[in-house]
Amino acid sequence: MTVKVDQLDDANSWAKAGIMVRNSIAGAGSSAGYAVMAVTPGNGVVREYDSNGDGYLDTEAKITGIKAPVWLRLTRTGNQVSGYYSTNGTTFTQVGSAVNLSGANATEDAGVFHSAHDTKISGTANFSGLSITP
């Protein structure tokens, strides 16, 4: 799955916009197989995932100094997921190493997301070019 994050408001240095996979997006907080690839205003690009299958993100790898606009990509082979970013849409750089998605179903939900990371401040993000290849 690949998407371009065209714009992300600086609502918080940890505000995030990106792509995610999860057994059930509707099952937030209880659904295993969870991984995201995101860009932040102040902490670069980050790949986060649920390492123990409890449905919560608990492990991350990041590369600082990258901001929107940026292309993000998540790839999955079996239960292994990898995250990548690109500043030109052609050359992608891996963030961290491939990781095992504990409890991931053979088929998962996938999509884009945005979080202002602060309940008192709202923000927006703009996306383009979403592509999902089964």
N, C-alpha and C. Protein backbone atom coordinates (compact mmCIF):
# COMPACT_ATOMS: atom_id res chain seq x y z
N MET A 1 0.86 -1.16 0.00
CA MET A 1 0.00 0.00 0.00
C MET A 1 0.90 1.22 0.00
N THR A 2 0.55 2.21 -0.82
CA THR A 2 1.33 3.44 -0.93
C THR A 2 0.38 4.62 -0.96
N VAL A 3 0.79 5.73 -0.34
CA VAL A 3 0.02 6.97 -0.38
C VAL A 3 0.98 8.15 -0.27
N LYS A 4 0.59 9.27 -0.82
CA LYS A 4 1.34 10.51 -0.62
C LYS A 4 0.60 11.35 0.41
N VAL A 5 1.31 11.75 1.46
CA VAL A 5 0.77 12.72 2.42
C VAL A 5 1.21 14.07 1.89
N ASP A 6 0.25 14.81 1.31
CA ASP A 6 0.56 16.09 0.68
C ASP A 6 0.77 17.19 1.71
N GLN A 7 0.00 17.12 2.81
CA GLN A 7 0.03 18.19 3.81
C GLN A 7 -0.41 17.64 5.15
N LEU A 8 0.23 18.13 6.23
CA LEU A 8 -0.12 17.75 7.59
C LEU A 8 0.04 18.96 8.49
N ASP A 9 -1.05 19.35 9.17
CA ASP A 9 -0.99 20.47 10.11
C ASP A 9 -0.08 20.14 11.28
N ASP A 10 0.57 21.17 11.81
CA ASP A 10 1.45 21.01 12.97
C ASP A 10 0.65 21.23 14.26
N ALA A 11 -0.31 20.34 14.51
CA ALA A 11 -1.14 20.44 15.72
C ALA A 11 -0.36 19.99 16.95
N ASN A 12 0.64 19.14 16.75
CA ASN A 12 1.47 18.60 17.81
C ASN A 12 2.68 17.98 17.12
N SER A 13 3.83 17.96 17.75
CA SER A 13 5.00 17.38 17.09
C SER A 13 4.81 15.90 16.78
N TRP A 14 3.87 15.23 17.51
CA TRP A 14 3.57 13.83 17.26
C TRP A 14 2.24 13.62 16.52
N ALA A 15 1.64 14.68 15.96
CA ALA A 15 0.49 14.48 15.07
C ALA A 15 0.96 13.54 13.97
N LYS A 16 0.06 12.70 13.47
CA LYS A 16 0.45 11.71 12.47
C LYS A 16 -0.55 11.64 11.33
N ALA A 17 -0.03 11.38 10.15
CA ALA A 17 -0.86 11.08 8.98
C ALA A 17 -0.14 9.97 8.23
N GLY A 18 -0.91 8.98 7.79
CA GLY A 18 -0.26 7.90 7.07
C GLY A 18 -1.18 6.77 6.70
N ILE A 19 -0.61 5.57 6.65
CA ILE A 19 -1.33 4.38 6.23
C ILE A 19 -1.25 3.33 7.33
N MET A 20 -2.27 2.48 7.37
CA MET A 20 -2.32 1.45 8.41
C MET A 20 -2.90 0.16 7.87
N VAL A 21 -2.53 -0.94 8.54
CA VAL A 21 -3.16 -2.24 8.36
C VAL A 21 -3.53 -2.75 9.74
N ARG A 22 -4.62 -3.51 9.79
CA ARG A 22 -5.11 -4.05 11.06
C ARG A 22 -6.14 -5.12 10.74
N ASN A 23 -6.25 -6.13 11.59
CA ASN A 23 -7.26 -7.16 11.34
C ASN A 23 -8.64 -6.54 11.16
N SER A 24 -8.98 -5.55 12.01
CA SER A 24 -10.24 -4.84 11.89
C SER A 24 -10.04 -3.39 12.31
N ILE A 25 -10.13 -2.47 11.36
CA ILE A 25 -9.99 -1.05 11.70
C ILE A 25 -11.10 -0.64 12.67
N ALA A 26 -12.28 -1.23 12.53
CA ALA A 26 -13.39 -0.91 13.44
C ALA A 26 -13.13 -1.43 14.85
N GLY A 27 -12.21 -2.36 15.01
CA GLY A 27 -11.91 -2.95 16.32
C GLY A 27 -10.76 -2.27 17.03
N ALA A 28 -10.66 -0.95 16.91
CA ALA A 28 -9.55 -0.21 17.53
C ALA A 28 -9.40 -0.57 19.00
N GLY A 29 -8.15 -0.78 19.41
CA GLY A 29 -7.86 -1.12 20.79
C GLY A 29 -7.99 -2.59 21.12
N SER A 30 -8.46 -3.38 20.17
CA SER A 30 -8.59 -4.81 20.45
C SER A 30 -8.22 -5.68 19.26
N SER A 31 -7.82 -5.06 18.16
CA SER A 31 -7.58 -5.81 16.94
C SER A 31 -6.08 -5.97 16.69
N ALA A 32 -5.65 -7.21 16.58
CA ALA A 32 -4.24 -7.53 16.34
C ALA A 32 -3.85 -7.28 14.89
N GLY A 33 -2.58 -7.57 14.57
CA GLY A 33 -2.10 -7.39 13.21
C GLY A 33 -1.95 -5.94 12.82
N TYR A 34 -1.63 -5.07 13.76
CA TYR A 34 -1.69 -3.62 13.62
C TYR A 34 -0.32 -3.04 13.30
N ALA A 35 -0.23 -2.28 12.21
CA ALA A 35 1.00 -1.57 11.85
C ALA A 35 0.64 -0.28 11.13
N VAL A 36 1.46 0.75 11.32
CA VAL A 36 1.27 2.02 10.62
C VAL A 36 2.62 2.51 10.10
N MET A 37 2.53 3.30 9.04
CA MET A 37 3.66 4.07 8.53
C MET A 37 3.15 5.49 8.43
N ALA A 38 3.81 6.44 9.13
CA ALA A 38 3.27 7.79 9.25
C ALA A 38 4.37 8.84 9.15
N VAL A 39 3.94 10.06 8.86
CA VAL A 39 4.81 11.23 8.93
C VAL A 39 4.28 12.11 10.04
N THR A 40 5.18 12.81 10.73
CA THR A 40 4.82 13.72 11.81
C THR A 40 5.40 15.10 11.51
N PRO A 41 4.87 16.17 12.14
CA PRO A 41 5.45 17.49 11.92
C PRO A 41 6.82 17.69 12.59
N GLY A 42 7.07 16.99 13.70
CA GLY A 42 8.29 17.26 14.45
C GLY A 42 9.18 16.07 14.72
N ASN A 43 8.76 14.86 14.32
CA ASN A 43 9.55 13.67 14.64
C ASN A 43 9.85 12.80 13.42
N GLY A 44 9.70 13.35 12.24
CA GLY A 44 10.04 12.62 11.02
C GLY A 44 9.02 11.58 10.63
N VAL A 45 9.50 10.51 9.98
CA VAL A 45 8.63 9.40 9.59
C VAL A 45 8.82 8.28 10.60
N VAL A 46 7.72 7.58 10.85
CA VAL A 46 7.74 6.54 11.88
C VAL A 46 6.97 5.32 11.41
N ARG A 47 7.55 4.14 11.66
CA ARG A 47 6.86 2.88 11.45
C ARG A 47 6.59 2.32 12.85
N GLU A 48 5.32 2.11 13.16
CA GLU A 48 4.94 1.58 14.46
C GLU A 48 4.16 0.30 14.24
N TYR A 49 4.24 -0.62 15.23
CA TYR A 49 3.50 -1.86 15.09
C TYR A 49 3.22 -2.47 16.46
N ASP A 50 2.27 -3.37 16.46
CA ASP A 50 1.87 -4.12 17.65
C ASP A 50 2.72 -5.39 17.70
N SER A 51 3.67 -5.44 18.62
CA SER A 51 4.60 -6.57 18.65
C SER A 51 4.07 -7.79 19.39
N ASN A 52 3.00 -7.60 20.20
CA ASN A 52 2.54 -8.74 21.01
C ASN A 52 1.09 -9.15 20.74
N GLY A 53 0.44 -8.55 19.75
CA GLY A 53 -0.91 -8.97 19.36
C GLY A 53 -2.03 -8.48 20.24
N ASP A 54 -1.78 -7.46 21.11
CA ASP A 54 -2.84 -6.97 21.99
C ASP A 54 -3.67 -5.85 21.36
N GLY A 55 -3.36 -5.47 20.12
CA GLY A 55 -4.15 -4.45 19.43
C GLY A 55 -3.68 -3.03 19.64
N TYR A 56 -2.55 -2.83 20.31
CA TYR A 56 -2.02 -1.48 20.56
C TYR A 56 -0.61 -1.35 19.98
N LEU A 57 -0.31 -0.20 19.40
CA LEU A 57 1.03 0.07 18.88
C LEU A 57 1.99 0.19 20.05
N ASP A 58 3.10 -0.54 20.00
CA ASP A 58 4.03 -0.49 21.12
C ASP A 58 5.50 -0.47 20.73
N THR A 59 5.80 -0.55 19.45
CA THR A 59 7.19 -0.56 19.01
C THR A 59 7.32 0.34 17.79
N GLU A 60 8.42 1.11 17.73
CA GLU A 60 8.58 2.03 16.61
C GLU A 60 10.01 2.07 16.11
N ALA A 61 10.14 2.51 14.87
CA ALA A 61 11.40 2.88 14.26
C ALA A 61 11.13 4.20 13.56
N LYS A 62 12.07 5.15 13.61
CA LYS A 62 11.81 6.43 12.97
C LYS A 62 13.06 7.00 12.33
N ILE A 63 12.83 7.90 11.38
CA ILE A 63 13.89 8.67 10.75
C ILE A 63 13.48 10.13 10.88
N THR A 64 14.27 10.91 11.58
CA THR A 64 13.93 12.32 11.83
C THR A 64 14.29 13.18 10.62
N GLY A 65 13.72 14.39 10.61
CA GLY A 65 14.03 15.36 9.58
C GLY A 65 13.18 15.28 8.33
N ILE A 66 12.23 14.37 8.26
CA ILE A 66 11.36 14.23 7.09
C ILE A 66 9.99 14.80 7.45
N LYS A 67 9.43 15.61 6.55
CA LYS A 67 8.10 16.20 6.75
C LYS A 67 7.29 16.02 5.47
N ALA A 68 5.97 16.25 5.59
CA ALA A 68 5.10 16.24 4.40
C ALA A 68 5.49 17.43 3.53
N PRO A 69 5.43 17.28 2.21
CA PRO A 69 4.89 16.13 1.48
C PRO A 69 5.89 14.98 1.42
N VAL A 70 5.33 13.77 1.54
CA VAL A 70 6.15 12.55 1.51
C VAL A 70 5.27 11.37 1.12
N TRP A 71 5.84 10.42 0.39
CA TRP A 71 5.15 9.19 0.04
C TRP A 71 5.47 8.17 1.12
N LEU A 72 4.48 7.38 1.51
CA LEU A 72 4.64 6.34 2.52
C LEU A 72 4.20 5.01 1.92
N ARG A 73 4.87 3.93 2.35
CA ARG A 73 4.53 2.60 1.83
C ARG A 73 4.64 1.58 2.96
N LEU A 74 3.66 0.68 3.02
CA LEU A 74 3.71 -0.50 3.87
C LEU A 74 3.65 -1.71 2.96
N THR A 75 4.52 -2.68 3.19
CA THR A 75 4.47 -3.93 2.44
C THR A 75 4.35 -5.07 3.43
N ARG A 76 3.69 -6.12 2.99
CA ARG A 76 3.52 -7.29 3.85
C ARG A 76 3.73 -8.56 3.05
N THR A 77 4.56 -9.45 3.60
CA THR A 77 4.77 -10.78 3.05
C THR A 77 4.59 -11.75 4.21
N GLY A 78 3.54 -12.58 4.12
CA GLY A 78 3.21 -13.44 5.26
C GLY A 78 2.85 -12.54 6.45
N ASN A 79 3.49 -12.74 7.57
CA ASN A 79 3.26 -11.88 8.74
C ASN A 79 4.35 -10.83 8.91
N GLN A 80 5.24 -10.70 7.92
CA GLN A 80 6.30 -9.70 7.99
C GLN A 80 5.84 -8.41 7.31
N VAL A 81 6.01 -7.29 8.01
CA VAL A 81 5.64 -5.99 7.46
C VAL A 81 6.86 -5.08 7.47
N SER A 82 6.97 -4.26 6.42
CA SER A 82 8.04 -3.29 6.29
C SER A 82 7.45 -1.94 5.95
N GLY A 83 8.08 -0.87 6.41
CA GLY A 83 7.65 0.50 6.13
C GLY A 83 8.72 1.26 5.38
N TYR A 84 8.28 2.12 4.46
CA TYR A 84 9.19 2.90 3.62
C TYR A 84 8.66 4.31 3.45
N TYR A 85 9.58 5.24 3.09
CA TYR A 85 9.18 6.60 2.73
C TYR A 85 9.97 7.04 1.51
N SER A 86 9.44 8.05 0.82
CA SER A 86 10.11 8.62 -0.34
C SER A 86 9.81 10.10 -0.42
N THR A 87 10.80 10.89 -0.73
CA THR A 87 10.58 12.33 -0.91
C THR A 87 10.31 12.68 -2.36
N ASN A 88 10.50 11.70 -3.28
CA ASN A 88 10.27 11.99 -4.70
C ASN A 88 9.26 11.05 -5.36
N GLY A 89 8.75 10.06 -4.63
CA GLY A 89 7.77 9.13 -5.17
C GLY A 89 8.37 8.01 -6.00
N THR A 90 9.68 7.98 -6.13
CA THR A 90 10.36 6.97 -6.94
C THR A 90 11.30 6.11 -6.12
N THR A 91 12.16 6.75 -5.35
CA THR A 91 13.16 6.04 -4.54
C THR A 91 12.66 5.96 -3.10
N PHE A 92 12.44 4.72 -2.61
CA PHE A 92 11.92 4.51 -1.27
C PHE A 92 13.02 4.01 -0.34
N THR A 93 13.00 4.51 0.90
CA THR A 93 13.97 4.13 1.93
C THR A 93 13.24 3.39 3.04
N GLN A 94 13.76 2.23 3.45
CA GLN A 94 13.12 1.45 4.51
C GLN A 94 13.38 2.11 5.86
N VAL A 95 12.35 2.08 6.71
CA VAL A 95 12.43 2.60 8.08
C VAL A 95 12.47 1.39 9.01
N GLY A 96 13.60 1.17 9.66
CA GLY A 96 13.75 -0.02 10.49
C GLY A 96 13.81 -1.27 9.63
N SER A 97 13.73 -2.41 10.26
CA SER A 97 13.77 -3.68 9.54
C SER A 97 12.36 -4.27 9.48
N ALA A 98 12.21 -5.32 8.68
CA ALA A 98 10.92 -6.02 8.61
C ALA A 98 10.62 -6.60 9.99
N VAL A 99 9.34 -6.55 10.37
CA VAL A 99 8.92 -7.04 11.69
C VAL A 99 7.76 -8.02 11.56
N ASN A 100 7.60 -8.87 12.55
CA ASN A 100 6.52 -9.83 12.58
C ASN A 100 5.27 -9.21 13.18
N LEU A 101 4.16 -9.26 12.44
CA LEU A 101 2.88 -8.77 12.94
C LEU A 101 2.19 -9.89 13.71
N SER A 102 2.27 -9.85 15.01
CA SER A 102 1.69 -10.88 15.86
C SER A 102 0.18 -10.89 15.74
N GLY A 103 -0.39 -12.06 15.43
CA GLY A 103 -1.84 -12.22 15.37
C GLY A 103 -2.49 -11.69 14.11
N ALA A 104 -1.71 -11.38 13.07
CA ALA A 104 -2.28 -10.83 11.83
C ALA A 104 -3.07 -11.89 11.08
N ASN A 105 -4.28 -11.51 10.61
CA ASN A 105 -5.07 -12.38 9.74
C ASN A 105 -4.43 -12.45 8.37
N ALA A 106 -4.80 -13.44 7.58
CA ALA A 106 -4.30 -13.56 6.21
C ALA A 106 -4.74 -12.37 5.37
N THR A 107 -5.94 -11.84 5.64
CA THR A 107 -6.46 -10.64 4.97
C THR A 107 -6.77 -9.61 6.04
N GLU A 108 -6.30 -8.39 5.84
CA GLU A 108 -6.51 -7.32 6.82
C GLU A 108 -7.19 -6.12 6.19
N ASP A 109 -7.74 -5.25 7.06
CA ASP A 109 -8.22 -3.94 6.62
C ASP A 109 -7.00 -3.06 6.38
N ALA A 110 -7.13 -2.12 5.45
CA ALA A 110 -6.05 -1.18 5.15
C ALA A 110 -6.66 0.17 4.81
N GLY A 111 -5.94 1.25 5.13
CA GLY A 111 -6.44 2.57 4.79
C GLY A 111 -5.53 3.68 5.28
N VAL A 112 -6.00 4.92 5.12
CA VAL A 112 -5.26 6.09 5.58
C VAL A 112 -5.81 6.54 6.92
N PHE A 113 -5.00 7.27 7.68
CA PHE A 113 -5.45 7.80 8.97
C PHE A 113 -4.76 9.13 9.26
N HIS A 114 -5.35 9.86 10.20
CA HIS A 114 -4.78 11.11 10.70
C HIS A 114 -5.12 11.24 12.17
N SER A 115 -4.16 11.69 12.96
CA SER A 115 -4.38 11.97 14.38
C SER A 115 -3.67 13.26 14.73
N ALA A 116 -4.40 14.20 15.37
CA ALA A 116 -3.77 15.46 15.82
C ALA A 116 -2.91 15.22 17.05
N HIS A 117 -3.09 14.10 17.72
CA HIS A 117 -2.31 13.68 18.90
C HIS A 117 -2.53 14.59 20.11
N ASP A 118 -3.55 15.41 20.06
CA ASP A 118 -3.87 16.31 21.18
C ASP A 118 -5.38 16.51 21.17
N THR A 119 -6.04 16.13 22.25
CA THR A 119 -7.51 16.20 22.29
C THR A 119 -8.03 17.64 22.29
N LYS A 120 -7.17 18.62 22.54
CA LYS A 120 -7.60 20.02 22.59
C LYS A 120 -7.34 20.78 21.30
N ILE A 121 -6.63 20.16 20.37
CA ILE A 121 -6.28 20.83 19.12
C ILE A 121 -6.68 19.93 17.95
N SER A 122 -7.33 20.51 16.96
CA SER A 122 -7.65 19.74 15.76
C SER A 122 -6.65 20.08 14.67
N GLY A 123 -6.60 19.24 13.68
CA GLY A 123 -5.70 19.47 12.56
C GLY A 123 -6.24 18.76 11.34
N THR A 124 -5.60 18.98 10.22
CA THR A 124 -6.00 18.32 8.99
C THR A 124 -4.79 17.72 8.29
N ALA A 125 -5.07 16.79 7.44
CA ALA A 125 -4.06 16.19 6.58
C ALA A 125 -4.69 15.97 5.21
N ASN A 126 -3.90 16.09 4.17
CA ASN A 126 -4.36 15.84 2.80
C ASN A 126 -3.53 14.71 2.21
N PHE A 127 -4.23 13.78 1.53
CA PHE A 127 -3.61 12.61 0.93
C PHE A 127 -3.90 12.59 -0.56
N SER A 128 -3.04 11.90 -1.32
CA SER A 128 -3.32 11.65 -2.74
C SER A 128 -2.64 10.34 -3.15
N GLY A 129 -3.14 9.78 -4.24
CA GLY A 129 -2.51 8.63 -4.87
C GLY A 129 -2.52 7.34 -4.09
N LEU A 130 -3.55 7.10 -3.28
CA LEU A 130 -3.60 5.85 -2.53
C LEU A 130 -3.70 4.67 -3.49
N SER A 131 -2.81 3.69 -3.29
CA SER A 131 -2.89 2.46 -4.07
C SER A 131 -2.68 1.27 -3.13
N ILE A 132 -3.53 0.27 -3.30
CA ILE A 132 -3.45 -0.94 -2.49
C ILE A 132 -3.39 -2.11 -3.46
N THR A 133 -2.34 -2.92 -3.33
CA THR A 133 -2.18 -4.07 -4.17
C THR A 133 -2.29 -5.32 -3.32
N PRO A 134 -3.29 -6.18 -3.61
CA PRO A 134 -3.45 -7.40 -2.80
C PRO A 134 -2.30 -8.37 -3.00
